[in-house]
Amino acid sequence: MLTRQINQDSAVRQTAEQFNQLIADEQLTVLWRICKAMGETIHKAAPAVMFSQVVQSLFAQLLQLQRQEQLEALQDIASGAETRIGLAYRDLSSSLKLAFWYRLAQAHKQGKFPDVSQDQRLSEAAKQLLGKLQHLGFNQKVTFLQTAAEELGSHC
């Protein structure tokens, strides 16, 4: 469960619990939107790992796929599927997983990666969660993001 690593405060705990209740596609969309919204500030959370060779390798594998396959690979990660990319993601540390999402957001900004949330219609619960996440402070968002990235696909 997402809540196992979060001890900061009730707002972060509540958002983690809400995230855990969403279906995999919505979790992916929420994680993507928050990561994009935070942009360059994520880099400050774990600057040393942002350009790790392990992350670069996984990222390169993802970029070699066709756009639809890229989205499917992320859905596999979110659903816990035991694919080559899904297993490689699962083996990353929480800091490296956060770096992976940072790289994806950067690639999207540069037009090299499609928008994960483009066609996703969100439930009311997911919309409420996004609203709550926008009101969290920087450290709370980083804690949420790191935990969500770490646990993505592991509860399936």
Protein backbone atom coordinates (compact mmCIF):
# COMPACT_ATOMS: atom_id res chain seq x y z
CA MET A 1 0.00 0.00 0.00
CA LEU A 2 1.07 3.55 -0.65
CA THR A 3 0.57 4.56 2.95
CA ARG A 4 3.36 2.36 4.29
CA GLN A 5 6.07 4.92 3.49
CA ILE A 6 4.19 8.08 4.21
CA ASN A 7 4.40 9.45 7.72
CA GLN A 8 4.57 13.19 7.04
CA ASP A 9 1.05 14.41 7.63
CA SER A 10 -2.58 13.56 7.19
CA ALA A 11 -2.94 15.48 3.90
CA VAL A 12 -0.26 13.37 2.24
CA ARG A 13 -1.64 10.19 3.81
CA GLN A 14 -5.12 10.99 2.54
CA THR A 15 -3.90 11.66 -0.99
CA ALA A 16 -1.91 8.42 -0.96
CA GLU A 17 -4.95 6.46 0.17
CA GLN A 18 -7.09 8.08 -2.52
CA PHE A 19 -4.44 7.34 -5.15
CA ASN A 20 -4.37 3.71 -4.08
CA GLN A 21 -8.13 3.43 -4.66
CA LEU A 22 -7.92 4.53 -8.31
CA ILE A 23 -7.73 2.12 -11.22
CA ALA A 24 -4.30 1.70 -12.83
CA ASP A 25 -5.00 4.00 -15.81
CA GLU A 26 -6.16 6.77 -13.50
CA GLN A 27 -3.13 6.31 -11.26
CA LEU A 28 -0.94 6.68 -14.32
CA THR A 29 -2.79 9.83 -15.38
CA VAL A 30 -2.61 11.42 -11.92
CA LEU A 31 1.09 10.63 -11.59
CA TRP A 32 1.75 12.00 -15.08
CA ARG A 33 -0.15 15.24 -14.53
CA ILE A 34 1.50 16.00 -11.19
CA CYS A 35 4.93 15.18 -12.58
CA LYS A 36 4.35 17.49 -15.55
CA ALA A 37 3.00 20.24 -13.31
CA MET A 38 6.05 20.10 -11.06
CA GLY A 39 8.39 20.18 -14.06
CA GLU A 40 11.96 21.17 -13.29
CA THR A 41 11.34 21.30 -9.54
CA ILE A 42 11.38 17.49 -9.42
CA HIS A 43 15.05 17.68 -10.36
CA LYS A 44 15.71 19.38 -7.01
CA ALA A 45 14.26 16.42 -5.10
CA ALA A 46 16.95 13.95 -6.20
CA PRO A 47 19.43 15.71 -8.49
CA ALA A 48 22.13 13.05 -8.29
CA VAL A 49 19.98 10.32 -9.83
CA MET A 50 18.23 12.30 -12.55
CA PHE A 51 20.65 11.13 -15.22
CA SER A 52 21.45 7.66 -13.93
CA GLN A 53 22.61 5.12 -16.54
CA VAL A 54 19.93 2.69 -15.39
CA VAL A 55 17.20 5.29 -15.94
CA GLN A 56 18.76 6.31 -19.27
CA SER A 57 18.73 2.68 -20.42
CA LEU A 58 15.09 2.10 -19.48
CA PHE A 59 14.12 5.44 -20.98
CA ALA A 60 15.94 4.59 -24.24
CA GLN A 61 14.07 1.28 -24.46
CA LEU A 62 10.79 3.13 -24.08
CA LEU A 63 11.67 5.72 -26.73
CA GLN A 64 12.46 2.98 -29.26
CA LEU A 65 8.83 1.89 -29.20
CA GLN A 66 6.06 3.29 -31.40
CA ARG A 67 3.90 5.92 -29.66
CA GLN A 68 1.02 3.53 -28.94
CA GLU A 69 3.46 0.94 -27.63
CA GLN A 70 5.00 3.58 -25.36
CA LEU A 71 1.62 4.22 -23.79
CA GLU A 72 0.97 0.49 -23.49
CA ALA A 73 4.33 0.04 -21.75
CA LEU A 74 3.38 2.67 -19.16
CA GLN A 75 0.01 0.99 -18.71
CA ASP A 76 1.87 -2.26 -18.13
CA ILE A 77 3.95 -0.54 -15.44
CA ALA A 78 0.81 0.85 -13.79
CA SER A 79 -1.01 -2.47 -13.84
CA GLY A 80 1.97 -4.49 -12.62
CA ALA A 81 2.31 -6.52 -15.83
CA GLU A 82 5.44 -8.65 -16.02
CA THR A 83 6.79 -7.25 -19.27
CA ARG A 84 10.43 -6.41 -20.00
CA ILE A 85 9.88 -2.71 -19.29
CA GLY A 86 7.53 -3.39 -16.39
CA LEU A 87 10.06 -5.62 -14.66
CA ALA A 88 12.91 -3.18 -15.31
CA TYR A 89 10.83 -0.38 -13.77
CA ARG A 90 9.97 -2.51 -10.77
CA ASP A 91 13.70 -3.07 -10.12
CA LEU A 92 14.43 0.67 -9.88
CA SER A 93 14.83 2.33 -6.48
CA SER A 94 12.23 4.92 -5.51
CA SER A 95 14.62 7.77 -6.39
CA LEU A 96 15.33 6.23 -9.78
CA LYS A 97 11.61 5.78 -10.42
CA LEU A 98 11.11 9.47 -9.73
CA ALA A 99 13.99 10.22 -12.12
CA PHE A 100 12.30 8.04 -14.76
CA TRP A 101 9.10 10.09 -14.51
CA TYR A 102 11.10 13.30 -14.66
CA ARG A 103 12.73 12.09 -17.89
CA LEU A 104 9.32 11.19 -19.35
CA ALA A 105 7.92 14.63 -18.55
CA GLN A 106 10.99 16.24 -20.14
CA ALA A 107 10.63 14.07 -23.25
CA HIS A 108 6.99 15.04 -23.53
CA LYS A 109 7.89 18.71 -23.24
CA GLN A 110 10.35 18.22 -26.12
CA GLY A 111 7.72 16.42 -28.23
CA LYS A 112 9.44 13.03 -27.96
CA PHE A 113 6.80 11.31 -25.86
CA PRO A 114 2.99 11.36 -26.08
CA ASP A 115 0.75 12.75 -23.36
CA VAL A 116 -0.22 9.84 -21.15
CA SER A 117 -3.41 11.51 -19.99
CA GLN A 118 -4.60 12.81 -23.36
CA ASP A 119 -7.56 10.47 -23.85
CA GLN A 120 -8.12 9.49 -20.23
CA ARG A 121 -11.46 10.47 -18.75
CA LEU A 122 -11.11 10.75 -15.03
CA SER A 123 -13.56 9.65 -12.40
CA GLU A 124 -14.78 12.17 -9.88
CA ALA A 125 -12.44 10.60 -7.30
CA ALA A 126 -9.42 11.16 -9.57
CA LYS A 127 -10.44 14.76 -10.25
CA GLN A 128 -10.80 15.40 -6.52
CA LEU A 129 -7.39 13.87 -5.90
CA LEU A 130 -5.77 16.12 -8.50
CA GLY A 131 -7.39 19.11 -6.81
CA LYS A 132 -6.02 18.09 -3.42
CA LEU A 133 -2.56 17.48 -4.82
CA GLN A 134 -2.42 20.98 -6.26
CA HIS A 135 -2.84 22.39 -2.75
CA LEU A 136 0.02 20.41 -1.20
CA GLY A 137 3.36 22.07 -0.52
CA PHE A 138 6.48 21.24 -2.50
CA ASN A 139 7.88 18.68 -0.04
CA GLN A 140 4.47 17.04 0.32
CA LYS A 141 4.14 16.75 -3.46
CA VAL A 142 7.61 15.25 -3.73
CA THR A 143 6.80 12.74 -0.99
CA PHE A 144 3.56 11.83 -2.72
CA LEU A 145 5.22 11.59 -6.15
CA GLN A 146 8.09 9.46 -4.92
CA THR A 147 5.78 7.11 -3.06
CA ALA A 148 3.30 6.89 -5.94
CA ALA A 149 6.12 6.18 -8.43
CA GLU A 150 7.55 3.55 -6.07
CA GLU A 151 4.26 1.75 -5.53
CA LEU A 152 2.83 2.09 -9.04
CA GLY A 153 1.81 -1.36 -10.21
CA SER A 154 2.80 -3.16 -7.03
CA HIS A 155 -0.69 -3.47 -5.54
CA CYS A 156 -2.21 -5.26 -8.52
